């Protein structure tokens, strides 16, 4: 079963207060460091096969795997985030955009997903397979007035 709550947050950094401190693995899907379409100079490289220097790039997006400290960086000045929290790292062959809707949550659960946070500007949908996690957020006085019904 899936449990969700929608909050109206002042800033995406508030997600840091909401994450479950028992799990330190975060997968950020389709992270975009810049959300407007504008060209900028950059160096693009991966671990070994290429490095492009002094290119102009735009619309860059990537998946990020990180811990809590890295999530702090990701939430800075970002208006749209899709963050998954789990008790293990995301496997190399896991690609969420290829999951079919009917099977998506069951596959996520099999891959040890615990919670997810879909933040878009001020509205954040928090989902979990753990009812107590969601109920804890709903009953927390800091967030009870932020719930969108």
Protein backbone atom coordinates (compact mmCIF):
# COMPACT_ATOMS: atom_id res chain seq x y z
CA UNK A 1 0.00 0.00 0.00
CA UNK A 2 1.16 3.53 -0.80
CA UNK A 3 0.67 6.42 1.62
CA UNK A 4 1.01 10.09 0.65
CA UNK A 5 0.70 13.59 2.02
CA UNK A 6 0.99 16.89 0.14
CA UNK A 7 2.60 19.85 1.88
CA UNK A 8 2.94 23.48 0.91
CA UNK A 9 6.59 24.24 1.75
CA UNK A 10 8.36 27.58 1.80
CA UNK A 11 11.51 26.14 0.27
CA UNK A 12 12.77 22.77 -0.95
CA UNK A 13 15.43 22.83 1.79
CA UNK A 14 12.58 21.87 4.15
CA UNK A 15 12.75 18.42 2.57
CA UNK A 16 15.94 17.96 4.61
CA UNK A 17 13.85 18.11 7.80
CA UNK A 18 11.34 15.60 6.42
CA UNK A 19 13.65 12.81 5.28
CA UNK A 20 13.89 9.67 7.39
CA UNK A 21 17.19 9.90 9.29
CA UNK A 22 17.35 6.07 9.39
CA UNK A 23 18.24 5.86 5.68
CA UNK A 24 21.16 7.71 4.10
CA UNK A 25 20.80 6.76 0.42
CA UNK A 26 19.16 9.24 -1.92
CA UNK A 27 18.46 8.95 -5.62
CA UNK A 28 17.51 12.22 -7.32
CA UNK A 29 15.79 11.54 -10.63
CA UNK A 30 16.21 13.91 -13.60
CA UNK A 31 18.04 16.58 -11.62
CA UNK A 32 18.43 19.80 -13.57
CA UNK A 33 21.00 22.22 -12.17
CA UNK A 34 19.42 25.06 -14.18
CA UNK A 35 15.68 25.17 -14.87
CA UNK A 36 15.58 27.88 -17.46
CA UNK A 37 16.69 27.53 -21.05
CA UNK A 38 19.87 29.52 -21.41
CA UNK A 39 23.30 28.63 -22.77
CA UNK A 40 26.31 28.66 -20.43
CA UNK A 41 29.96 27.65 -20.70
CA UNK A 42 30.84 24.37 -19.07
CA UNK A 43 33.14 21.37 -19.03
CA UNK A 44 31.32 18.06 -19.33
CA UNK A 45 33.01 14.80 -18.44
CA UNK A 46 32.26 11.34 -17.17
CA UNK A 47 34.46 8.92 -15.29
CA UNK A 48 36.63 7.75 -18.19
CA UNK A 49 35.28 7.84 -21.74
CA UNK A 50 35.06 11.54 -22.52
CA UNK A 51 35.72 15.08 -21.41
CA UNK A 52 34.47 18.07 -23.33
CA UNK A 53 35.96 21.39 -22.34
CA UNK A 54 34.68 24.88 -22.94
CA UNK A 55 31.33 23.90 -24.43
CA UNK A 56 28.12 25.83 -24.30
CA UNK A 57 25.38 23.67 -22.79
CA UNK A 58 21.72 23.96 -21.80
CA UNK A 59 18.88 21.77 -20.55
CA UNK A 60 21.33 19.53 -18.72
CA UNK A 61 19.73 16.83 -16.61
CA UNK A 62 21.04 13.80 -14.77
CA UNK A 63 20.29 11.26 -12.09
CA UNK A 64 22.22 11.74 -8.87
CA UNK A 65 23.00 9.22 -6.17
CA UNK A 66 24.11 10.75 -2.90
CA UNK A 67 23.95 10.75 0.87
CA UNK A 68 22.34 13.31 3.19
CA UNK A 69 25.26 15.75 2.83
CA UNK A 70 24.94 15.65 -0.95
CA UNK A 71 21.18 16.13 -0.71
CA UNK A 72 21.86 19.39 1.13
CA UNK A 73 23.69 20.64 -1.97
CA UNK A 74 20.99 19.39 -4.36
CA UNK A 75 18.18 21.19 -2.51
CA UNK A 76 19.88 24.59 -2.75
CA UNK A 77 18.13 26.95 -5.17
CA UNK A 78 16.20 24.19 -6.88
CA UNK A 79 12.52 24.43 -7.67
CA UNK A 80 11.78 20.93 -8.87
CA UNK A 81 13.10 17.73 -7.31
CA UNK A 82 12.14 14.06 -7.43
CA UNK A 83 14.00 12.38 -4.57
CA UNK A 84 13.85 8.73 -3.60
CA UNK A 85 15.13 7.55 -0.23
CA UNK A 86 16.15 3.95 0.38
CA UNK A 87 18.23 1.71 2.59
CA UNK A 88 20.67 0.82 -0.19
CA UNK A 89 22.25 2.42 -3.23
CA UNK A 90 20.35 2.42 -6.50
CA UNK A 91 21.65 -0.28 -8.88
CA UNK A 92 23.37 0.75 -12.13
CA UNK A 93 20.71 -0.92 -14.27
CA UNK A 94 17.75 0.76 -12.50
CA UNK A 95 16.06 3.34 -14.73
CA UNK A 96 12.85 4.69 -13.28
CA UNK A 97 11.58 6.26 -16.50
CA UNK A 98 11.37 2.79 -18.04
CA UNK A 99 9.03 1.44 -15.36
CA UNK A 100 5.41 0.95 -16.33
CA UNK A 101 2.94 2.77 -14.09
CA UNK A 102 1.14 -0.37 -12.93
CA UNK A 103 4.39 -2.02 -11.87
CA UNK A 104 6.39 1.02 -10.82
CA UNK A 105 5.73 1.04 -7.08
CA UNK A 106 6.12 -2.71 -6.69
CA UNK A 107 9.51 -2.55 -8.45
CA UNK A 108 10.53 0.44 -6.33
CA UNK A 109 9.60 -1.49 -3.21
CA UNK A 110 11.64 -4.50 -4.41
CA UNK A 111 14.61 -2.15 -4.84
CA UNK A 112 14.36 -1.17 -1.14
CA UNK A 113 12.76 2.23 -1.74
CA UNK A 114 11.38 3.63 1.52
CA UNK A 115 10.09 7.13 0.75
CA UNK A 116 9.88 9.64 -2.10
CA UNK A 117 9.58 13.40 -2.30
CA UNK A 118 8.23 15.14 -5.40
CA UNK A 119 8.86 18.85 -4.93
CA UNK A 120 7.65 21.37 -7.44
CA UNK A 121 7.99 24.98 -6.38
CA UNK A 122 5.99 25.27 -3.12
CA UNK A 123 4.07 21.98 -3.27
CA UNK A 124 5.70 18.73 -2.17
CA UNK A 125 4.14 15.29 -2.39
CA UNK A 126 5.68 12.87 0.09
CA UNK A 127 5.04 9.19 -0.49
CA UNK A 128 5.98 6.08 1.39
CA UNK A 129 5.27 2.40 1.84
CA UNK A 130 5.44 3.11 5.59
CA UNK A 131 2.12 4.41 6.95
CA UNK A 132 3.73 5.47 10.24
CA UNK A 133 6.23 7.69 8.41
CA UNK A 134 3.42 9.62 6.69
CA UNK A 135 1.28 9.72 9.84
CA UNK A 136 4.28 11.12 11.72
CA UNK A 137 4.53 14.01 9.26
CA UNK A 138 0.78 14.66 9.40
CA UNK A 139 0.78 14.78 13.19
CA UNK A 140 3.93 16.93 13.50
CA UNK A 141 2.86 20.40 14.59
CA UNK A 142 5.51 21.96 12.31
CA UNK A 143 3.78 20.52 9.22
CA UNK A 144 0.12 20.07 10.18
CA UNK A 145 -0.78 23.58 8.94
CA UNK A 146 1.11 23.02 5.68
CA UNK A 147 -0.97 20.02 4.57
CA UNK A 148 -2.93 20.46 1.36
CA UNK A 149 -6.21 18.57 1.49
